[in-house]
C-alpha atoms as a PDB file:
ATOM      1  CA  MET A   1       0.049   0.008   0.120  1.00  0.00           C
ATOM      2  CA  ASN A   2       1.553   3.238  -0.736  1.00  0.00           C
ATOM      3  CA  ALA A   3       1.179   6.636   0.666  1.00  0.00           C
ATOM      4  CA  ASN A   4      -1.644   7.566  -1.632  1.00  0.00           C
ATOM      5  CA  ASP A   5      -4.104   4.765  -0.990  1.00  0.00           C
ATOM      6  CA  MET A   6      -4.008   5.959   2.578  1.00  0.00           C
ATOM      7  CA  ILE A   7      -5.595   9.349   1.635  1.00  0.00           C
ATOM      8  CA  PRO A   8      -9.229   9.462   1.768  1.00  0.00           C
ATOM      9  CA  SER A   9     -10.449  10.712  -1.822  1.00  0.00           C
ATOM     10  CA  ARG A  10     -12.821  13.824  -2.306  1.00  0.00           C
ATOM     11  CA  HIS A  11     -15.519  11.616  -3.135  1.00  0.00           C
ATOM     12  CA  THR A  12     -15.237   9.480  -0.098  1.00  0.00           C
ATOM     13  CA  ILE A  13     -14.691  12.618   2.050  1.00  0.00           C
ATOM     14  CA  LEU A  14     -18.225  13.623   0.318  1.00  0.00           C
ATOM     15  CA  LEU A  15     -19.626  10.969   0.740  1.00  0.00           C
ATOM     16  CA  GLY A  16     -19.408  10.581   4.312  1.00  0.00           C
ATOM     17  CA  MET A  17     -20.588  14.354   4.934  1.00  0.00           C
ATOM     18  CA  LEU A  18     -23.678  13.610   3.243  1.00  0.00           C
ATOM     19  CA  CYS A  19     -24.118  10.198   5.615  1.00  0.00           C
ATOM     20  CA  PHE A  20     -23.724  12.661   8.633  1.00  0.00           C
ATOM     21  CA  ALA A  21     -26.479  14.880   7.269  1.00  0.00           C
ATOM     22  CA  ALA A  22     -28.640  12.170   6.926  1.00  0.00           C
ATOM     23  CA  SER A  23     -28.301  10.954   9.960  1.00  0.00           C
ATOM     24  CA  SER A  24     -29.050  14.168  11.698  1.00  0.00           C
ATOM     25  CA  ASN A  25     -32.003  15.682   9.616  1.00  0.00           C
ATOM     26  CA  ALA A  26     -34.635  14.368   8.060  1.00  0.00           C
ATOM     27  CA  PRO A  27     -34.436  14.102   4.341  1.00  0.00           C
ATOM     28  CA  GLY A  28     -34.884  17.907   2.415  1.00  0.00           C
ATOM     29  CA  GLN A  29     -35.283  19.161   6.379  1.00  0.00           C
ATOM     30  CA  SER A  30     -33.063  22.006   7.227  1.00  0.00           C
ATOM     31  CA  ALA A  31     -32.817  23.188  10.633  1.00  0.00           C
ATOM     32  CA  LYS A  32     -35.133  25.626   9.864  1.00  0.00           C
ATOM     33  CA  ASP A  33     -37.782  23.859   8.479  1.00  0.00           C
ATOM     34  CA  ILE A  34     -37.976  21.104  11.539  1.00  0.00           C
ATOM     35  CA  VAL A  35     -38.335  24.660  14.277  1.00  0.00           C
ATOM     36  CA  THR A  36     -40.979  25.765  11.646  1.00  0.00           C
ATOM     37  CA  ARG A  37     -43.169  22.653  11.780  1.00  0.00           C
ATOM     38  CA  ALA A  38     -43.057  22.340  15.254  1.00  0.00           C
ATOM     39  CA  GLU A  39     -44.325  25.753  15.621  1.00  0.00           C
ATOM     40  CA  ASN A  40     -46.890  25.054  13.431  1.00  0.00           C
ATOM     41  CA  ASN A  41     -47.686  22.330  15.919  1.00  0.00           C
ATOM     42  CA  ILE A  42     -48.000  24.334  18.463  1.00  0.00           C
ATOM     43  CA  ARG A  43     -50.385  26.817  16.695  1.00  0.00           C
ATOM     44  CA  GLY A  44     -51.973  25.433  13.928  1.00  0.00           C
ATOM     45  CA  LEU A  45     -53.681  28.429  11.848  1.00  0.00           C
ATOM     46  CA  SER A  46     -55.626  29.564  14.763  1.00  0.00           C
ATOM     47  CA  SER A  47     -55.735  28.383  18.000  1.00  0.00           C
ATOM     48  CA  GLN A  48     -58.062  28.656  21.336  1.00  0.00           C
ATOM     49  CA  MET A  49     -56.629  27.537  24.565  1.00  0.00           C
ATOM     50  CA  GLU A  50     -57.244  27.235  28.298  1.00  0.00           C
ATOM     51  CA  MET A  51     -54.471  26.724  30.885  1.00  0.00           C
ATOM     52  CA  THR A  52     -53.665  26.774  34.022  1.00  0.00           C
ATOM     53  CA  ILE A  53     -50.281  28.862  35.675  1.00  0.00           C
ATOM     54  CA  ARG A  54     -49.068  27.482  38.748  1.00  0.00           C
ATOM     55  CA  ILE A  55     -45.781  30.141  40.262  1.00  0.00           C
ATOM     56  CA  ILE A  56     -43.907  27.571  42.901  1.00  0.00           C
ATOM     57  CA  ARG A  57     -41.634  29.205  45.282  1.00  0.00           C
ATOM     58  CA  PRO A  58     -39.735  27.779  48.087  1.00  0.00           C
ATOM     59  CA  SER A  59     -42.251  29.317  50.638  1.00  0.00           C
ATOM     60  CA  TRP A  60     -45.645  29.814  48.741  1.00  0.00           C
ATOM     61  CA  THR A  61     -47.440  28.940  45.263  1.00  0.00           C
ATOM     62  CA  ARG A  62     -49.558  31.092  43.608  1.00  0.00           C
ATOM     63  CA  THR A  63     -52.018  29.745  40.882  1.00  0.00           C
ATOM     64  CA  MET A  64     -53.737  31.825  37.538  1.00  0.00           C
ATOM     65  CA  SER A  65     -55.995  30.968  34.998  1.00  0.00           C
ATOM     66  CA  LEU A  66     -55.709  32.125  31.642  1.00  0.00           C
ATOM     67  CA  LYS A  67     -57.753  32.122  28.174  1.00  0.00           C
ATOM     68  CA  ALA A  68     -55.434  32.640  25.067  1.00  0.00           C
ATOM     69  CA  TRP A  69     -56.458  33.514  21.098  1.00  0.00           C
ATOM     70  CA  SER A  70     -53.698  32.993  18.336  1.00  0.00           C
ATOM     71  CA  LYS A  71     -53.482  33.469  14.636  1.00  0.00           C
ATOM     72  CA  GLY A  72     -50.311  32.934  12.766  1.00  0.00           C
ATOM     73  CA  GLU A  73     -47.464  34.383  14.287  1.00  0.00           C
ATOM     74  CA  GLN A  74     -48.738  38.232  13.952  1.00  0.00           C
ATOM     75  CA  TYR A  75     -51.918  37.716  16.487  1.00  0.00           C
ATOM     76  CA  SER A  76     -52.703  36.912  19.935  1.00  0.00           C
ATOM     77  CA  LEU A  77     -54.697  38.017  22.893  1.00  0.00           C
ATOM     78  CA  SER A  78     -54.471  36.610  26.265  1.00  0.00           C
ATOM     79  CA  VAL A  79     -57.033  37.319  29.584  1.00  0.00           C
ATOM     80  CA  ILE A  80     -56.592  36.024  32.765  1.00  0.00           C
ATOM     81  CA  THR A  81     -59.855  34.913  34.218  1.00  0.00           C
ATOM     82  CA  ALA A  82     -58.891  33.939  38.084  1.00  0.00           C
ATOM     83  CA  PRO A  83     -57.950  34.736  40.224  1.00  0.00           C
ATOM     84  CA  PRO A  84     -60.224  38.017  41.053  1.00  0.00           C
ATOM     85  CA  GLY A  85     -57.652  40.428  42.155  1.00  0.00           C
ATOM     86  CA  ASP A  86     -55.728  40.215  38.254  1.00  0.00           C
ATOM     87  CA  ALA A  87     -59.101  38.553  36.364  1.00  0.00           C
ATOM     88  CA  GLY A  88     -59.772  40.875  33.155  1.00  0.00           C
ATOM     89  CA  THR A  89     -55.979  41.590  32.593  1.00  0.00           C
ATOM     90  CA  VAL A  90     -55.430  40.565  28.707  1.00  0.00           C
ATOM     91  CA  PHE A  91     -52.188  41.044  26.546  1.00  0.00           C
ATOM     92  CA  LEU A  92     -52.426  41.306  23.264  1.00  0.00           C
ATOM     93  CA  LYS A  93     -49.978  41.255  20.605  1.00  0.00           C
ATOM     94  CA  ARG A  94     -50.347  42.900  17.068  1.00  0.00           C
ATOM     95  CA  ILE A  95     -47.980  42.478  14.101  1.00  0.00           C
ATOM     96  CA  LYS A  96     -45.032  44.294  16.052  1.00  0.00           C
ATOM     97  CA  GLU A  97     -46.662  45.579  18.979  1.00  0.00           C
ATOM     98  CA  ILE A  98     -47.453  44.548  22.619  1.00  0.00           C
ATOM     99  CA  TRP A  99     -50.159  46.125  24.745  1.00  0.00           C
ATOM    100  CA  ASN A 100     -51.283  45.407  28.291  1.00  0.00           C
ATOM    101  CA  TRP A 101     -54.954  45.999  29.257  1.00  0.00           C
ATOM    102  CA  LEU A 102     -55.246  47.192  33.133  1.00  0.00           C
ATOM    103  CA  PRO A 103     -58.634  46.656  34.158  1.00  0.00           C
ATOM    104  CA  SER A 104     -58.196  48.949  37.653  1.00  0.00           C
ATOM    105  CA  ILE A 105     -56.822  51.925  35.534  1.00  0.00           C
ATOM    106  CA  GLU A 106     -59.125  51.117  32.588  1.00  0.00           C
ATOM    107  CA  ARG A 107     -56.453  51.743  30.056  1.00  0.00           C
ATOM    108  CA  ALA A 108     -54.416  49.587  27.242  1.00  0.00           C
ATOM    109  CA  ILE A 109     -50.534  50.376  27.995  1.00  0.00           C
ATOM    110  CA  LYS A 110     -47.845  49.815  24.997  1.00  0.00           C
ATOM    111  CA  LEU A 111     -45.311  47.540  26.099  1.00  0.00           C
ATOM    112  CA  PRO A 112     -41.959  48.859  24.839  1.00  0.00           C
ATOM    113  CA  PRO A 113     -39.334  46.349  23.284  1.00  0.00           C
ATOM    114  CA  SER A 114     -37.044  46.872  26.756  1.00  0.00           C
ATOM    115  CA  MET A 115     -39.823  45.054  29.012  1.00  0.00           C
ATOM    116  CA  MET A 116     -39.708  41.854  26.746  1.00  0.00           C
ATOM    117  CA  ALA A 117     -37.112  40.643  29.077  1.00  0.00           C
ATOM    118  CA  GLN A 118     -38.892  41.446  32.443  1.00  0.00           C
ATOM    119  CA  SER A 119     -41.244  38.860  34.585  1.00  0.00           C
ATOM    120  CA  TRP A 120     -44.494  38.099  32.999  1.00  0.00           C
ATOM    121  CA  MET A 121     -46.781  38.659  35.789  1.00  0.00           C
ATOM    122  CA  GLY A 122     -44.235  37.617  38.071  1.00  0.00           C
ATOM    123  CA  THR A 123     -43.990  34.211  36.858  1.00  0.00           C
ATOM    124  CA  ASP A 124     -40.808  32.976  35.323  1.00  0.00           C
ATOM    125  CA  PHE A 125     -41.467  33.717  32.010  1.00  0.00           C
ATOM    126  CA  THR A 126     -40.887  36.789  30.064  1.00  0.00           C
ATOM    127  CA  ASN A 127     -42.880  38.830  28.427  1.00  0.00           C
ATOM    128  CA  ASP A 128     -41.657  37.811  25.380  1.00  0.00           C
ATOM    129  CA  ASP A 129     -41.914  33.997  25.481  1.00  0.00           C
ATOM    130  CA  LEU A 130     -45.776  34.450  26.919  1.00  0.00           C
ATOM    131  CA  VAL A 131     -46.783  36.843  23.742  1.00  0.00           C
ATOM    132  CA  LYS A 132     -43.964  35.258  21.362  1.00  0.00           C
ATOM    133  CA  ALA A 133     -42.209  38.936  20.639  1.00  0.00           C
ATOM    134  CA  SER A 134     -39.820  37.319  18.825  1.00  0.00           C
ATOM    135  CA  SER A 135     -40.581  34.761  16.543  1.00  0.00           C
ATOM    136  CA  ARG A 136     -38.252  31.236  16.612  1.00  0.00           C
ATOM    137  CA  ILE A 137     -38.372  31.193  12.950  1.00  0.00           C
ATOM    138  CA  ASP A 138     -37.335  34.559  11.519  1.00  0.00           C
ATOM    139  CA  ASP A 139     -35.479  36.208  14.179  1.00  0.00           C
ATOM    140  CA  TYR A 140     -32.606  33.367  14.920  1.00  0.00           C
ATOM    141  CA  SER A 141     -30.243  31.040  12.243  1.00  0.00           C
ATOM    142  CA  HIS A 142     -31.081  27.369  13.407  1.00  0.00           C
ATOM    143  CA  LYS A 143     -28.545  24.554  13.028  1.00  0.00           C
ATOM    144  CA  VAL A 144     -28.608  20.953  14.256  1.00  0.00           C
ATOM    145  CA  VAL A 145     -26.261  20.456  16.530  1.00  0.00           C
ATOM    146  CA  GLY A 146     -26.752  16.661  18.110  1.00  0.00           C
ATOM    147  CA  ASP A 147     -29.264  14.045  19.037  1.00  0.00           C
ATOM    148  CA  SER A 148     -30.810  12.982  22.205  1.00  0.00           C
ATOM    149  CA  VAL A 149     -33.423  10.859  24.128  1.00  0.00           C
ATOM    150  CA  ILE A 150     -36.088  13.033  26.160  1.00  0.00           C
ATOM    151  CA  GLU A 151     -39.305  11.211  27.402  1.00  0.00           C
ATOM    152  CA  GLY A 152     -38.325   8.539  25.405  1.00  0.00           C
ATOM    153  CA  LEU A 153     -38.250   9.908  22.171  1.00  0.00           C
ATOM    154  CA  LYS A 154     -35.355  10.817  19.766  1.00  0.00           C
ATOM    155  CA  CYS A 155     -34.727  14.464  19.449  1.00  0.00           C
ATOM    156  CA  TRP A 156     -33.033  16.698  17.069  1.00  0.00           C
ATOM    157  CA  GLU A 157     -30.926  18.946  19.275  1.00  0.00           C
ATOM    158  CA  ILE A 158     -31.389  22.575  17.596  1.00  0.00           C
ATOM    159  CA  GLU A 159     -29.169  25.514  18.125  1.00  0.00           C
ATOM    160  CA  MET A 160     -30.879  28.847  17.480  1.00  0.00           C
ATOM    161  CA  ILE A 161     -28.737  32.014  17.446  1.00  0.00           C
ATOM    162  CA  PRO A 162     -30.359  35.565  17.260  1.00  0.00           C
ATOM    163  CA  LEU A 163     -30.119  37.377  13.660  1.00  0.00           C
ATOM    164  CA  PRO A 164     -27.781  40.710  13.713  1.00  0.00           C
ATOM    165  CA  GLU A 165     -30.936  42.717  13.435  1.00  0.00           C
ATOM    166  CA  ALA A 166     -33.329  40.856  15.829  1.00  0.00           C
ATOM    167  CA  ALA A 167     -33.918  42.771  18.878  1.00  0.00           C
ATOM    168  CA  VAL A 168     -34.646  39.378  20.858  1.00  0.00           C
ATOM    169  CA  VAL A 169     -34.110  38.652  25.054  1.00  0.00           C
ATOM    170  CA  TRP A 170     -31.674  35.726  24.367  1.00  0.00           C
ATOM    171  CA  SER A 171     -27.886  35.471  23.450  1.00  0.00           C
ATOM    172  CA  ARG A 172     -28.816  31.530  22.534  1.00  0.00           C
ATOM    173  CA  VAL A 173     -31.675  29.417  22.662  1.00  0.00           C
ATOM    174  CA  ASN A 174     -31.464  25.269  22.275  1.00  0.00           C
ATOM    175  CA  ILE A 175     -34.124  23.227  21.436  1.00  0.00           C
ATOM    176  CA  TRP A 176     -34.884  19.454  21.649  1.00  0.00           C
ATOM    177  CA  ILE A 177     -37.471  18.474  19.280  1.00  0.00           C
ATOM    178  CA  ASP A 178     -39.243  14.983  18.910  1.00  0.00           C
ATOM    179  CA  GLN A 179     -38.222  13.239  15.259  1.00  0.00           C
ATOM    180  CA  LYS A 180     -41.629  11.590  14.988  1.00  0.00           C
ATOM    181  CA  ASN A 181     -44.159  14.134  16.178  1.00  0.00           C
ATOM    182  CA  TYR A 182     -42.307  17.149  15.915  1.00  0.00           C
ATOM    183  CA  LEU A 183     -42.742  18.013  19.466  1.00  0.00           C
ATOM    184  CA  GLU A 184     -41.142  20.699  21.235  1.00  0.00           C
ATOM    185  CA  LEU A 185     -39.743  18.720  24.599  1.00  0.00           C
ATOM    186  CA  ARG A 186     -36.660  20.814  26.034  1.00  0.00           C
ATOM    187  CA  LEU A 187     -35.372  24.635  25.770  1.00  0.00           C
ATOM    188  CA  GLU A 188     -32.658  26.172  27.111  1.00  0.00           C
ATOM    189  CA  TYR A 189     -32.411  29.808  27.286  1.00  0.00           C
ATOM    190  CA  TYR A 190     -28.781  31.906  27.331  1.00  0.00           C
ATOM    191  CA  ASP A 191     -28.181  35.516  28.236  1.00  0.00           C
ATOM    192  CA  GLU A 192     -25.312  37.863  26.458  1.00  0.00           C
ATOM    193  CA  ASP A 193     -22.526  36.156  28.771  1.00  0.00           C
ATOM    194  CA  ASN A 194     -23.531  32.833  27.150  1.00  0.00           C
ATOM    195  CA  LYS A 195     -24.546  31.575  30.627  1.00  0.00           C
ATOM    196  CA  LEU A 196     -27.855  29.198  30.932  1.00  0.00           C
ATOM    197  CA  VAL A 197     -30.832  31.369  32.319  1.00  0.00           C
ATOM    198  CA  ASN A 198     -33.941  29.466  32.448  1.00  0.00           C
ATOM    199  CA  ILE A 199     -34.884  25.703  31.268  1.00  0.00           C
ATOM    200  CA  LEU A 200     -38.407  24.956  29.677  1.00  0.00           C
ATOM    201  CA  GLN A 201     -39.238  20.951  29.837  1.00  0.00           C
ATOM    202  CA  CYS A 202     -42.015  19.623  28.563  1.00  0.00           C
ATOM    203  CA  SER A 203     -43.919  16.733  29.288  1.00  0.00           C
ATOM    204  CA  ASP A 204     -47.502  14.610  29.840  1.00  0.00           C
ATOM    205  CA  ILE A 205     -47.678  14.370  26.001  1.00  0.00           C
ATOM    206  CA  ARG A 206     -51.964  13.593  24.973  1.00  0.00           C
ATOM    207  CA  THR A 207     -53.796  14.465  22.275  1.00  0.00           C
ATOM    208  CA  LEU A 208     -55.587  18.088  22.960  1.00  0.00           C
ATOM    209  CA  GLY A 209     -57.789  19.467  20.413  1.00  0.00           C
ATOM    210  CA  GLY A 210     -57.039  16.896  18.338  1.00  0.00           C
ATOM    211  CA  ARG A 211     -53.465  16.977  18.610  1.00  0.00           C
ATOM    212  CA  LEU A 212     -50.596  15.604  20.290  1.00  0.00           C
ATOM    213  CA  LEU A 213     -49.033  18.110  22.745  1.00  0.00           C
ATOM    214  CA  PRO A 214     -46.876  18.481  25.751  1.00  0.00           C
ATOM    215  CA  CYS A 215     -49.632  19.637  28.045  1.00  0.00           C
ATOM    216  CA  LYS A 216     -47.557  20.241  31.348  1.00  0.00           C
ATOM    217  CA  LEU A 217     -44.891  22.882  30.538  1.00  0.00           C
ATOM    218  CA  GLU A 218     -42.597  23.547  33.234  1.00  0.00           C
ATOM    219  CA  MET A 219     -39.840  27.055  32.990  1.00  0.00           C
ATOM    220  CA  ILE A 220     -37.280  26.367  35.712  1.00  0.00           C
ATOM    221  CA  PRO A 221     -34.454  29.122  36.378  1.00  0.00           C
ATOM    222  CA  ALA A 222     -30.971  27.629  36.827  1.00  0.00           C
ATOM    223  CA  GLU A 223     -29.524  29.371  39.868  1.00  0.00           C
ATOM    224  CA  LYS A 224     -32.787  29.492  41.920  1.00  0.00           C
ATOM    225  CA  LYS A 225     -33.212  26.249  43.715  1.00  0.00           C
ATOM    226  CA  GLY A 226     -37.103  25.624  44.317  1.00  0.00           C
ATOM    227  CA  GLN A 227     -38.373  27.942  42.157  1.00  0.00           C
ATOM    228  CA  GLU A 228     -40.366  27.222  38.851  1.00  0.00           C
ATOM    229  CA  THR A 229     -43.133  28.254  36.630  1.00  0.00           C
ATOM    230  CA  VAL A 230     -45.675  25.303  35.779  1.00  0.00           C
ATOM    231  CA  ILE A 231     -48.510  26.269  32.834  1.00  0.00           C
ATOM    232  CA  ILE A 232     -51.110  23.117  32.655  1.00  0.00           C
ATOM    233  CA  TYR A 233     -53.373  22.927  29.149  1.00  0.00           C
ATOM    234  CA  ASN A 234     -56.622  22.300  30.353  1.00  0.00           C
ATOM    235  CA  ASN A 235     -58.446  22.710  26.709  1.00  0.00           C
ATOM    236  CA  ALA A 236     -57.444  23.569  22.986  1.00  0.00           C
ATOM    237  CA  THR A 237     -59.306  23.897  20.013  1.00  0.00           C
ATOM    238  CA  PHE A 238     -57.292  24.607  16.732  1.00  0.00           C
ATOM    239  CA  ASN A 239     -57.943  26.154  13.158  1.00  0.00           C
ATOM    240  CA  GLN A 240     -61.667  27.496  13.871  1.00  0.00           C
ATOM    241  CA  PRO A 241     -62.013  31.252  11.963  1.00  0.00           C
ATOM    242  CA  ILE A 242     -60.739  34.373  13.984  1.00  0.00           C
ATOM    243  CA  ARG A 243     -61.269  37.496  12.970  1.00  0.00           C
ATOM    244  CA  ASP A 244     -58.077  39.880  12.789  1.00  0.00           C
ATOM    245  CA  ASP A 245     -60.290  42.392  14.281  1.00  0.00           C
ATOM    246  CA  PHE A 246     -60.581  40.442  17.190  1.00  0.00           C
ATOM    247  CA  PHE A 247     -56.814  41.576  18.117  1.00  0.00           C
ATOM    248  CA  THR A 248     -57.281  44.698  18.422  1.00  0.00           C
ATOM    249  CA  THR A 249     -56.922  47.280  21.643  1.00  0.00           C
ATOM    250  CA  GLN A 250     -61.047  48.115  21.135  1.00  0.00           C
ATOM    251  CA  ASN A 251     -61.433  44.466  21.997  1.00  0.00           C
ATOM    252  CA  MET A 252     -59.061  44.137  24.967  1.00  0.00           C
ATOM    253  CA  LYS A 253     -61.499  45.882  27.296  1.00  0.00           C
ATOM    254  CA  LYS A 254     -64.120  42.704  26.133  1.00  0.00           C
ATOM    255  CA  ALA A 255     -62.240  39.867  26.287  1.00  0.00           C
ATOM    256  CA  LYS A 256     -63.344  37.145  28.567  1.00  0.00           C
END
């Protein structure tokens, strides 16, 4: 055997790269395609949901009830229905604008981008997490970086890095998506120093509104022991017509 026989040909190297790509992604799918399909699983063309939110702290627990409507990526509206002190509080996303209706002062307030990183209603979710002001599809680049098993399901691990022009909260988000049903099962959120801040764990996979979904979401701060926020999806309806004018500041005070 001479030295040239020991050097892989360009054809061999290319074949190896193609085999690796095939093992990392389904044929014809990019990482962005996978994230898009997973997001569409959650939203559909439109959605209506009822959920319970439980804020857990070492010395106390608080529970809220919430109704939420969405239409594509552009529109969402959510209203708190309990406890009485918070009932009637509404959050609206319309295109790129975020509004908050406060029944105590009967006024709608437009939230500036600087408030997107702040806690939503005292939970471990940010305003951006709940109203999805930033888009996981359009505001990030996407790259498959590995495979893992979560909840007994094989997942793609996808790294999402904000695009230079995107006004987003996180410097990096890693997301694990089930390779069979495109379910989002875990997300990790990193700050500008590349430090892990929050972990979102998704479980209790069952059919809701005719769709297979993780119905329990747990947002866990990485460095705050005994603290988390749990969202439970109770009811869901997908792909029912919702008019664009439902998502207006005028309609916020009527939402129930």
